[in-house]
Each structure stands twice: as C-alpha cells, then as structure tokens.
Amino acid sequence: MSGKLERRMGWIEASLRYAGLFGIAEKKAYMHAFSLTSGMVSRDQSAFWQNLPDRGPGEAVHWQAGKLFIGENAYEDGKWPAFLPESPLYDVVPLRSWLRDTLSSRFEACQIGSRRDPLPEIMRGILEGVQKKKALDIGYFSRQNGHTRRIISPHTIIDVANRLHVRGFDHSKGRFADFVLSRILDCVPMRENEARYIGIDGDALWGRVDQVILKARARIDPVAARLDYGLDDSGVRIERVRSALLPYVVDIADESFENPVTIARLDATDTTR
C-alpha cells in the first residue's frame, strides 16, 4: 500500500473511531481534504472495508446505504459486519486535524500566544539541510548569548513546548542541540568541503528513550486529572519520550524553558500599548 493511500485509510479509520461513521458529511470532507473524485472515495471505502478483520474482538463495523458505521444493523444489504480492532490499523489522523477537515468553520482553534512561524526562505534552507543532509550556516538569537553565528548539521524538526525546533549537531560547540526556528535569523546551506555533515547516528540522546510519569498535582481534583490526562486508578500515567526532549516535558525550574511572554485581558483604559 502506498504512503498516500495509507494516509487516506488513516483518515477513514479516524472517522469511524471519532464519529462512529463514514457517511455523507465525512465523505465530503474526505474528498476535499485529499482532492479526490466521488469515484475515488468509493474505491477507498471499498479498500478500507476489505482490509477490516472479519471477526472480533473489536467494534462491529457495518456497510449499509453506502456508508460505514459502528452500531446495530439489520444486514438489509446482505453485508455481514467487519470489525474495528482496539489497536489502530493505520496511522490514524489526529483528532484536531480530523475535526478541522470535517467541521471546517464549526471548529475553532484558539492559538493566542503561539510563536510565529519562521520566514519561508529560512524554512526552505532548514528543510534542505534536513532532507539533503547538508550543514548550514545560520544566524541565531540565543536568549542567553544574544546574536550568534552557528554551523549546524540539522537532522529533525521538533514540535514541542509550543514551539518548533530543529535539532542537529552544533559544530561550534561540538555537541547536538536544539534551535528554535522562530529565532533563526538567516540560513545558508554549505558545501561539503566547507563543513562535513554530522548526522543523527551520533546523537546519543536522540536515540535513547526514557520514561516519564504523569501525576495529578496535590491541589487538583484527582478525578478531573484522570479524565483529562487518562491517568490510571492509582492516579498516574507512564509515557516514553526521547531523552533529548526530556527538558521540555518534565517540570524543571529552568528559566530557559519559561514562556517569555505573559497573556492578560486588555483593559480598554490601558495606555501602555
């Protein structure tokens, strides 16, 4: 199965898991999201159906009146149910992405306080470095050292702590590090004879995985915390995370990870703008 078809199958599976059906409204959103014709949607639906297990465990999936749905069915069209197992069959589209595709203007994502995206020309240079394994000469503004110049070998773009980073080898300091994309001021790909690319294989922290434990804070209603974060009956949840990302996800009193801005309601009489 091609990567494109795999992604589309993940969208249909998301529709069944989140909405319980793949019907008229979902097909319209699916068609728009992937620029498909109605005939292509029908073929994808058939492919998804054929790849479903024909026996449990799992939720029974029915095909009736041209739609797939989870629930009771009188088998009016002669199709016996297939089953959607508990574990995903495909790379299921994340809930927020699926909601945006399906609900359009009826899904509102409030992103006040999010960091700006990097300039397009900088993003192109970063992607060239990551995809073509090229070292980059970048201008970078560090919160500790101000404006600096770095030569980096980027290997991965990371979305964590409400900001995009690029991780790679910092030639000037001889170690792997993360660079916030919105603080990269300029970016120039380098020739191989100018700087040898040092790849992901040497990044020990990236290759290592740690476990972190989520627990409700003492002042928080434990039931609310369990519902919000999927904590178990003992009030905890164990997650696995790359060691390189630990500083961003655990509670550390480190000012370098503190949000540099505050957000408050603007009073109409405020004259500090």
Protein backbone atom coordinates (compact mmCIF):
# COMPACT_ATOMS: atom_id res chain seq x y z
CA MET A 1 0.00 0.00 0.00
CA SER A 2 1.40 3.40 -0.99
CA GLY A 3 2.08 6.09 1.57
CA LYS A 4 -0.69 8.30 0.17
CA LEU A 5 -3.27 5.52 0.36
CA GLU A 6 -2.07 4.65 3.86
CA ARG A 7 -2.74 8.24 4.96
CA ARG A 8 -6.21 8.16 3.42
CA MET A 9 -7.01 4.87 5.16
CA GLY A 10 -5.93 6.52 8.42
CA TRP A 11 -8.44 9.30 7.79
CA ILE A 12 -11.32 6.85 7.24
CA GLU A 13 -10.31 4.94 10.37
CA ALA A 14 -10.25 8.22 12.30
CA SER A 15 -13.78 8.95 11.08
CA LEU A 16 -15.04 5.63 12.42
CA ARG A 17 -13.21 5.99 15.73
CA TYR A 18 -14.14 9.64 16.37
CA ALA A 19 -17.61 9.89 14.79
CA GLY A 20 -18.69 6.27 14.54
CA LEU A 21 -19.37 6.53 10.81
CA PHE A 22 -18.05 7.39 7.39
CA GLY A 23 -21.13 8.88 5.77
CA ILE A 24 -22.16 11.76 3.52
CA ALA A 25 -20.65 14.61 5.58
CA GLU A 26 -17.45 12.70 6.28
CA LYS A 27 -17.06 11.71 2.63
CA LYS A 28 -17.46 15.34 1.55
CA ALA A 29 -14.72 16.40 3.98
CA TYR A 30 -12.54 13.46 2.89
CA MET A 31 -12.96 14.35 -0.78
CA HIS A 32 -11.94 17.94 -0.08
CA ALA A 33 -9.01 17.05 2.21
CA PHE A 34 -7.38 14.79 -0.39
CA SER A 35 -8.69 16.39 -3.64
CA LEU A 36 -10.50 13.21 -4.71
CA THR A 37 -13.42 12.48 -7.00
CA SER A 38 -16.53 10.68 -5.71
CA GLY A 39 -15.42 7.54 -7.57
CA MET A 40 -12.04 7.60 -5.83
CA VAL A 41 -13.78 7.98 -2.46
CA SER A 42 -15.90 4.91 -3.20
CA ARG A 43 -12.81 2.90 -4.15
CA ASP A 44 -11.05 3.95 -0.95
CA GLN A 45 -14.08 2.97 1.10
CA SER A 46 -14.08 -0.46 -0.53
CA ALA A 47 -10.34 -0.87 0.10
CA PHE A 48 -10.78 0.06 3.76
CA TRP A 49 -13.68 -2.37 4.15
CA GLN A 50 -11.77 -5.23 2.54
CA ASN A 51 -8.86 -4.74 4.95
CA LEU A 52 -11.02 -4.88 8.08
CA PRO A 53 -10.87 -8.16 10.07
CA ASP A 54 -13.95 -10.32 9.55
CA ARG A 55 -14.09 -11.35 13.20
CA GLY A 56 -13.56 -9.77 16.61
CA PRO A 57 -12.51 -8.71 19.09
CA GLY A 58 -13.39 -5.14 18.24
CA GLU A 59 -16.34 -2.94 17.39
CA ALA A 60 -18.66 -4.19 14.66
CA VAL A 61 -18.50 -2.06 11.50
CA HIS A 62 -21.41 -2.19 9.05
CA TRP A 63 -21.78 -1.15 5.43
CA GLN A 64 -25.29 -0.06 4.66
CA ALA A 65 -26.82 2.51 2.28
CA GLY A 66 -23.35 3.40 1.02
CA LYS A 67 -21.88 4.34 4.40
CA LEU A 68 -19.73 2.66 7.01
CA PHE A 69 -20.81 2.93 10.61
CA ILE A 70 -20.40 1.39 14.04
CA GLY A 71 -23.62 0.16 15.66
CA GLU A 72 -26.61 -2.10 15.12
CA ASN A 73 -27.62 -3.16 11.63
CA ALA A 74 -30.33 -5.38 10.24
CA TYR A 75 -27.99 -6.51 7.42
CA GLU A 76 -30.54 -5.27 4.89
CA ASP A 77 -27.99 -5.26 2.07
CA GLY A 78 -26.61 -8.68 2.91
CA LYS A 79 -23.25 -7.47 4.20
CA TRP A 80 -22.18 -9.07 7.45
CA PRO A 81 -20.18 -6.87 9.79
CA ALA A 82 -16.44 -6.48 9.83
CA PHE A 83 -14.58 -5.45 12.96
CA LEU A 84 -12.51 -2.44 14.01
CA PRO A 85 -9.90 -3.69 16.49
CA GLU A 86 -8.89 -1.74 19.57
CA SER A 87 -5.39 -1.14 18.22
CA PRO A 88 -5.18 1.15 15.15
CA LEU A 89 -4.92 -0.48 11.75
CA TYR A 90 -3.33 2.61 10.17
CA ASP A 91 -1.69 5.85 11.25
CA VAL A 92 -4.92 7.45 12.48
CA VAL A 93 -5.27 11.17 11.74
CA PRO A 94 -5.01 13.18 14.98
CA LEU A 95 -8.34 14.32 16.39
CA ARG A 96 -7.75 18.05 15.89
CA SER A 97 -6.70 17.58 12.27
CA TRP A 98 -9.77 15.43 11.60
CA LEU A 99 -12.07 17.95 13.29
CA ARG A 100 -10.62 20.78 11.20
CA ASP A 101 -11.15 18.78 7.99
CA THR A 102 -14.67 17.70 8.92
CA LEU A 103 -16.22 20.67 10.72
CA SER A 104 -14.49 23.47 8.82
CA SER A 105 -15.81 26.77 10.26
CA ARG A 106 -17.51 24.91 13.12
CA PHE A 107 -14.10 24.00 14.56
CA GLU A 108 -12.27 26.90 16.17
CA ALA A 109 -8.62 26.57 17.21
CA CYS A 110 -7.55 29.38 19.54
CA GLN A 111 -3.80 29.91 19.14
CA ILE A 112 -3.30 33.14 21.03
CA GLY A 113 0.23 33.20 22.41
CA SER A 114 1.70 30.76 19.90
CA ARG A 115 5.09 31.57 18.42
CA ARG A 116 5.32 32.93 14.92
CA ASP A 117 6.31 30.65 12.06
CA PRO A 118 9.81 31.07 10.61
CA LEU A 119 10.19 33.09 7.44
CA PRO A 120 9.64 30.99 4.27
CA GLU A 121 13.20 31.48 3.00
CA ILE A 122 14.60 30.28 6.32
CA MET A 123 12.25 27.30 6.39
CA ARG A 124 13.40 26.32 2.89
CA GLY A 125 17.02 26.35 3.99
CA ILE A 126 16.28 24.28 7.12
CA LEU A 127 14.34 21.70 5.10
CA GLU A 128 17.15 21.47 2.55
CA GLY A 129 19.59 20.77 5.37
CA VAL A 130 17.39 18.10 6.94
CA GLN A 131 16.33 16.35 3.75
CA LYS A 132 19.59 16.58 1.79
CA LYS A 133 21.86 16.20 4.85
CA LYS A 134 23.68 19.49 4.41
CA ALA A 135 25.42 21.57 7.05
CA LEU A 136 24.00 25.08 7.46
CA ASP A 137 25.50 28.43 8.42
CA ILE A 138 22.81 30.17 10.49
CA GLY A 139 22.39 33.41 12.35
CA TYR A 140 20.74 32.57 15.66
CA PHE A 141 19.44 34.64 18.53
CA SER A 142 20.04 32.87 21.84
CA ARG A 143 18.20 34.06 24.93
CA GLN A 144 21.45 33.66 26.89
CA ASN A 145 24.04 34.90 24.36
CA GLY A 146 22.12 37.17 22.01
CA HIS A 147 23.02 37.16 18.31
CA THR A 148 25.42 34.37 17.36
CA ARG A 149 26.56 32.55 14.23
CA ARG A 150 26.43 28.77 14.21
CA ILE A 151 27.29 26.00 11.81
CA ILE A 152 24.82 23.17 12.35
CA SER A 153 24.05 19.78 10.82
CA PRO A 154 20.23 19.53 11.21
CA HIS A 155 18.56 16.12 11.36
CA THR A 156 14.99 16.54 12.75
CA ILE A 157 12.32 19.22 13.14
CA ILE A 158 10.54 19.01 16.50
CA ASP A 159 7.17 20.40 17.65
CA VAL A 160 7.32 20.62 21.45
CA ALA A 161 6.61 23.14 24.24
CA ASN A 162 4.50 25.30 21.91
CA ARG A 163 7.38 25.95 19.52
CA LEU A 164 9.15 24.43 16.53
CA HIS A 165 12.80 23.45 16.92
CA VAL A 166 15.39 21.98 14.61
CA ARG A 167 17.75 19.51 16.26
CA GLY A 168 21.21 18.93 14.94
CA PHE A 169 24.93 18.97 15.58
CA ASP A 170 26.33 22.35 16.65
CA HIS A 171 29.79 22.42 15.07
CA SER A 172 30.87 25.44 17.11
CA LYS A 173 30.23 23.72 20.43
CA GLY A 174 30.86 20.13 19.38
CA ARG A 175 27.52 18.76 20.59
CA PHE A 176 23.95 18.15 19.50
CA ALA A 177 21.48 20.89 20.40
CA ASP A 178 18.06 22.34 19.58
CA PHE A 179 17.42 25.65 17.83
CA VAL A 180 14.07 27.46 17.95
CA LEU A 181 13.03 28.08 14.33
CA SER A 182 11.49 31.50 15.03
CA ARG A 183 14.89 32.71 16.31
CA ILE A 184 16.91 31.67 13.25
CA LEU A 185 17.68 34.96 11.52
CA ASP A 186 19.27 33.69 8.31
CA CYS A 187 20.24 30.32 6.88
CA VAL A 188 22.78 29.41 4.18
CA PRO A 189 23.41 25.79 3.05
CA MET A 190 27.12 24.95 2.98
CA ARG A 191 29.20 22.90 0.57
CA GLU A 192 30.57 19.54 1.67
CA ASN A 193 34.14 20.88 1.52
CA GLU A 194 33.18 23.75 3.82
CA ALA A 195 31.62 21.69 6.62
CA ARG A 196 31.13 17.93 6.85
CA TYR A 197 27.57 16.93 7.73
CA ILE A 198 27.28 15.06 11.03
CA GLY A 199 24.09 13.02 11.12
CA ILE A 200 21.58 11.59 13.53
CA ASP A 201 23.57 8.41 14.22
CA GLY A 202 25.89 10.32 16.51
CA ASP A 203 23.07 11.82 18.60
CA ALA A 204 23.05 9.55 21.64
CA LEU A 205 20.31 11.46 23.50
CA TRP A 206 18.05 11.26 20.45
CA GLY A 207 18.49 7.51 20.22
CA ARG A 208 17.84 6.91 23.91
CA VAL A 209 14.33 6.68 25.37
CA ASP A 210 13.31 7.50 28.95
CA GLN A 211 10.08 7.03 30.83
CA VAL A 212 8.21 9.90 32.45
CA ILE A 213 5.38 9.70 34.96
CA LEU A 214 2.34 11.97 34.93
CA LYS A 215 0.65 12.52 38.30
CA ALA A 216 -2.10 14.86 39.45
CA ARG A 217 -0.93 17.82 41.50
CA ALA A 218 -1.96 17.77 45.15
CA ARG A 219 -4.37 20.71 44.80
CA ILE A 220 -6.13 19.30 41.72
CA ASP A 221 -9.27 17.16 41.86
CA PRO A 222 -7.86 13.67 41.08
CA VAL A 223 -10.99 12.65 39.16
CA ALA A 224 -10.68 15.66 36.83
CA ALA A 225 -6.99 14.92 36.29
CA ARG A 226 -7.73 11.29 35.45
CA LEU A 227 -10.37 12.27 32.93
CA ASP A 228 -8.23 14.97 31.30
CA TYR A 229 -4.99 13.03 31.12
CA GLY A 230 -6.06 9.38 31.09
CA LEU A 231 -4.45 8.57 34.44
CA ASP A 232 -4.94 5.05 35.77
CA ASP A 233 -6.74 4.10 39.01
CA SER A 234 -3.63 4.91 41.03
CA GLY A 235 -3.56 8.42 39.53
CA VAL A 236 -0.56 8.07 37.21
CA ARG A 237 0.29 7.57 33.56
CA ILE A 238 3.62 6.36 32.20
CA GLU A 239 4.87 7.74 28.87
CA ARG A 240 8.01 7.14 26.82
CA VAL A 241 9.96 10.09 25.47
CA ARG A 242 13.28 10.63 23.75
CA SER A 243 15.95 11.67 26.25
CA ALA A 244 16.70 14.73 24.10
CA LEU A 245 13.16 16.02 24.71
CA LEU A 246 13.07 15.50 28.48
CA PRO A 247 13.87 19.15 29.33
CA TYR A 248 10.74 20.28 27.50
CA VAL A 249 8.23 17.87 29.06
CA VAL A 250 9.28 17.48 32.71
CA ASP A 251 8.91 20.05 35.47
CA ILE A 252 12.30 21.75 35.70
CA ALA A 253 12.98 25.13 37.29
CA ASP A 254 14.98 26.34 34.29
CA GLU A 255 14.32 29.88 33.03
CA SER A 256 15.46 28.96 29.52
CA PHE A 257 12.22 26.99 29.07
CA GLU A 258 9.94 29.60 30.63
CA ASN A 259 7.47 31.30 28.30
CA PRO A 260 8.96 34.73 27.58
CA VAL A 261 5.56 36.47 27.32
CA THR A 262 2.51 36.78 29.54
CA ILE A 263 -1.09 36.94 28.35
CA ALA A 264 -3.73 39.04 30.09
CA ARG A 265 -7.02 40.65 29.19
CA LEU A 266 -6.55 44.12 27.70
CA ASP A 267 -8.41 46.82 29.61
CA ALA A 268 -9.99 49.45 27.37
CA THR A 269 -8.31 52.13 29.50
CA ASP A 270 -4.85 50.60 29.18
CA THR A 271 -2.45 53.23 27.76
CA THR A 272 0.68 51.07 27.69
CA ARG A 273 0.19 49.86 24.11
